[in-house]
Amino acid sequence: MSTSDPVQSVRRKVVYAISSAVRNYQPAMDQLVKHLPEGYAPGKKVDASDMNAIDAIMEKLREHPVESA
């Protein structure tokens, strides 16, 4: 939903929820990295306590272009 919902406010809420779920919780971060579009994670392993890396991923998700229907 964070990259495909046509409503920007919905995408932002989804990114906020994802961000909250993965910060400081490595199993959730590992799952997120598996499902991110290519090039969104700085590597195959992102440390859940690295707030700068998480912020960079969330910013990319917020800025992800959505094709109009």
N, C-alpha and C. Protein backbone atom coordinates (compact mmCIF):
# COMPACT_ATOMS: atom_id res chain seq x y z
N MET A 1 0.82 -1.20 0.00
CA MET A 1 0.00 0.00 0.00
C MET A 1 0.86 1.26 0.00
N SER A 2 2.04 1.18 0.60
CA SER A 2 2.87 2.37 0.70
C SER A 2 3.37 2.85 -0.66
N THR A 3 3.36 1.99 -1.65
CA THR A 3 3.83 2.39 -2.97
C THR A 3 2.74 2.33 -4.04
N SER A 4 1.56 1.82 -3.69
CA SER A 4 0.56 1.63 -4.74
C SER A 4 -0.78 2.33 -4.51
N ASP A 5 -1.11 2.69 -3.29
CA ASP A 5 -2.42 3.31 -3.05
C ASP A 5 -2.46 4.68 -3.72
N PRO A 6 -3.52 5.00 -4.44
CA PRO A 6 -3.59 6.27 -5.15
C PRO A 6 -3.78 7.49 -4.24
N VAL A 7 -4.15 7.28 -3.00
CA VAL A 7 -4.39 8.40 -2.07
C VAL A 7 -3.12 8.64 -1.25
N GLN A 8 -2.56 9.84 -1.41
CA GLN A 8 -1.30 10.17 -0.75
C GLN A 8 -1.39 10.07 0.77
N SER A 9 -2.48 10.50 1.36
CA SER A 9 -2.60 10.45 2.81
C SER A 9 -2.59 9.01 3.33
N VAL A 10 -3.15 8.09 2.55
CA VAL A 10 -3.12 6.67 2.93
C VAL A 10 -1.69 6.15 2.86
N ARG A 11 -0.97 6.49 1.79
CA ARG A 11 0.42 6.05 1.67
C ARG A 11 1.26 6.56 2.82
N ARG A 12 1.07 7.81 3.21
CA ARG A 12 1.84 8.38 4.32
C ARG A 12 1.54 7.66 5.64
N LYS A 13 0.29 7.34 5.87
CA LYS A 13 -0.08 6.61 7.10
C LYS A 13 0.52 5.21 7.11
N VAL A 14 0.55 4.58 5.96
CA VAL A 14 1.14 3.24 5.87
C VAL A 14 2.64 3.32 6.15
N VAL A 15 3.32 4.30 5.58
CA VAL A 15 4.75 4.45 5.83
C VAL A 15 5.00 4.73 7.30
N TYR A 16 4.18 5.53 7.93
CA TYR A 16 4.32 5.81 9.36
C TYR A 16 4.17 4.52 10.17
N ALA A 17 3.20 3.70 9.83
CA ALA A 17 2.97 2.44 10.54
C ALA A 17 4.16 1.49 10.34
N ILE A 18 4.65 1.41 9.12
CA ILE A 18 5.81 0.56 8.85
C ILE A 18 7.01 1.05 9.64
N SER A 19 7.23 2.33 9.62
CA SER A 19 8.34 2.91 10.35
C SER A 19 8.28 2.57 11.83
N SER A 20 7.11 2.69 12.41
CA SER A 20 6.93 2.36 13.83
C SER A 20 7.17 0.89 14.10
N ALA A 21 6.79 0.04 13.17
CA ALA A 21 6.91 -1.41 13.37
C ALA A 21 8.36 -1.90 13.29
N VAL A 22 9.19 -1.25 12.46
CA VAL A 22 10.53 -1.78 12.23
C VAL A 22 11.61 -1.17 13.11
N ARG A 23 11.35 -0.01 13.67
CA ARG A 23 12.37 0.64 14.50
C ARG A 23 12.65 -0.19 15.75
N ASN A 24 13.90 -0.56 15.92
CA ASN A 24 14.37 -1.33 17.07
C ASN A 24 13.77 -2.73 17.16
N TYR A 25 13.24 -3.26 16.07
CA TYR A 25 12.72 -4.63 16.08
C TYR A 25 13.24 -5.33 14.82
N GLN A 26 14.34 -6.03 14.97
CA GLN A 26 15.06 -6.61 13.84
C GLN A 26 14.23 -7.59 13.00
N PRO A 27 13.42 -8.48 13.60
CA PRO A 27 12.63 -9.39 12.74
C PRO A 27 11.71 -8.65 11.77
N ALA A 28 11.10 -7.56 12.21
CA ALA A 28 10.23 -6.78 11.32
C ALA A 28 11.06 -6.08 10.24
N MET A 29 12.22 -5.57 10.60
CA MET A 29 13.08 -4.91 9.62
C MET A 29 13.53 -5.91 8.56
N ASP A 30 13.89 -7.13 8.97
CA ASP A 30 14.31 -8.15 8.02
C ASP A 30 13.19 -8.45 7.02
N GLN A 31 11.96 -8.53 7.49
CA GLN A 31 10.82 -8.79 6.59
C GLN A 31 10.59 -7.61 5.64
N LEU A 32 10.71 -6.40 6.16
CA LEU A 32 10.52 -5.22 5.31
C LEU A 32 11.53 -5.22 4.17
N VAL A 33 12.80 -5.47 4.49
CA VAL A 33 13.85 -5.43 3.48
C VAL A 33 13.56 -6.45 2.38
N LYS A 34 13.01 -7.59 2.72
CA LYS A 34 12.66 -8.62 1.72
C LYS A 34 11.62 -8.12 0.73
N HIS A 35 10.76 -7.19 1.16
CA HIS A 35 9.61 -6.78 0.34
C HIS A 35 9.75 -5.38 -0.25
N LEU A 36 10.87 -4.73 -0.02
CA LEU A 36 11.07 -3.39 -0.57
C LEU A 36 11.36 -3.46 -2.06
N PRO A 37 10.96 -2.40 -2.80
CA PRO A 37 11.37 -2.34 -4.21
C PRO A 37 12.90 -2.30 -4.29
N GLU A 38 13.44 -2.80 -5.37
CA GLU A 38 14.90 -2.84 -5.53
C GLU A 38 15.50 -1.44 -5.42
N GLY A 39 16.60 -1.35 -4.70
CA GLY A 39 17.30 -0.09 -4.55
C GLY A 39 16.85 0.74 -3.36
N TYR A 40 15.88 0.28 -2.61
CA TYR A 40 15.37 1.05 -1.48
C TYR A 40 16.16 0.82 -0.20
N ALA A 41 16.75 -0.34 -0.05
CA ALA A 41 17.54 -0.65 1.14
C ALA A 41 19.02 -0.49 0.80
N PRO A 42 19.81 0.01 1.75
CA PRO A 42 21.24 0.20 1.47
C PRO A 42 22.01 -1.11 1.35
N GLY A 43 21.40 -2.21 1.72
CA GLY A 43 22.04 -3.52 1.61
C GLY A 43 21.02 -4.60 1.93
N LYS A 44 21.46 -5.83 1.97
CA LYS A 44 20.53 -6.92 2.27
C LYS A 44 20.18 -6.96 3.75
N LYS A 45 21.03 -6.38 4.59
CA LYS A 45 20.78 -6.37 6.02
C LYS A 45 20.78 -4.92 6.49
N VAL A 46 19.69 -4.50 7.12
CA VAL A 46 19.59 -3.16 7.68
C VAL A 46 19.39 -3.33 9.18
N ASP A 47 20.22 -2.65 9.95
CA ASP A 47 20.12 -2.72 11.41
C ASP A 47 18.90 -1.93 11.87
N ALA A 48 18.04 -2.57 12.63
CA ALA A 48 16.80 -1.94 13.10
C ALA A 48 17.06 -0.80 14.09
N SER A 49 18.28 -0.69 14.58
CA SER A 49 18.60 0.41 15.48
C SER A 49 19.30 1.57 14.76
N ASP A 50 19.51 1.44 13.45
CA ASP A 50 20.14 2.49 12.66
C ASP A 50 19.06 3.44 12.14
N MET A 51 18.79 4.47 12.92
CA MET A 51 17.69 5.39 12.60
C MET A 51 17.92 6.13 11.28
N ASN A 52 19.17 6.44 10.95
CA ASN A 52 19.44 7.13 9.69
C ASN A 52 19.09 6.26 8.49
N ALA A 53 19.42 4.97 8.56
CA ALA A 53 19.09 4.05 7.47
C ALA A 53 17.58 3.89 7.35
N ILE A 54 16.91 3.78 8.48
CA ILE A 54 15.44 3.64 8.46
C ILE A 54 14.80 4.89 7.89
N ASP A 55 15.27 6.04 8.33
CA ASP A 55 14.72 7.31 7.82
C ASP A 55 14.91 7.41 6.30
N ALA A 56 16.05 6.97 5.79
CA ALA A 56 16.31 7.03 4.35
C ALA A 56 15.33 6.12 3.59
N ILE A 57 15.09 4.93 4.12
CA ILE A 57 14.15 4.01 3.48
C ILE A 57 12.74 4.60 3.49
N MET A 58 12.32 5.14 4.63
CA MET A 58 10.96 5.69 4.75
C MET A 58 10.78 6.89 3.82
N GLU A 59 11.83 7.69 3.68
CA GLU A 59 11.74 8.85 2.78
C GLU A 59 11.57 8.39 1.33
N LYS A 60 12.29 7.34 0.95
CA LYS A 60 12.13 6.80 -0.41
C LYS A 60 10.72 6.27 -0.62
N LEU A 61 10.17 5.61 0.41
CA LEU A 61 8.80 5.11 0.29
C LEU A 61 7.81 6.26 0.16
N ARG A 62 8.01 7.32 0.92
CA ARG A 62 7.11 8.48 0.84
C ARG A 62 7.15 9.13 -0.54
N GLU A 63 8.33 9.13 -1.14
CA GLU A 63 8.51 9.79 -2.44
C GLU A 63 8.25 8.88 -3.63
N HIS A 64 7.94 7.62 -3.39
CA HIS A 64 7.72 6.66 -4.47
C HIS A 64 6.62 7.16 -5.40
N PRO A 65 6.91 7.22 -6.70
CA PRO A 65 5.89 7.67 -7.65
C PRO A 65 4.78 6.64 -7.79
N VAL A 66 3.57 7.13 -7.89
CA VAL A 66 2.41 6.25 -8.06
C VAL A 66 1.80 6.56 -9.43
N GLU A 67 1.64 5.50 -10.20
CA GLU A 67 1.01 5.67 -11.52
C GLU A 67 -0.47 5.96 -11.35
N SER A 68 -0.95 6.94 -12.09
CA SER A 68 -2.38 7.26 -12.01
C SER A 68 -3.17 6.26 -12.84
N ALA A 69 -4.36 5.98 -12.33
CA ALA A 69 -5.21 4.97 -13.00
C ALA A 69 -5.96 5.55 -14.17
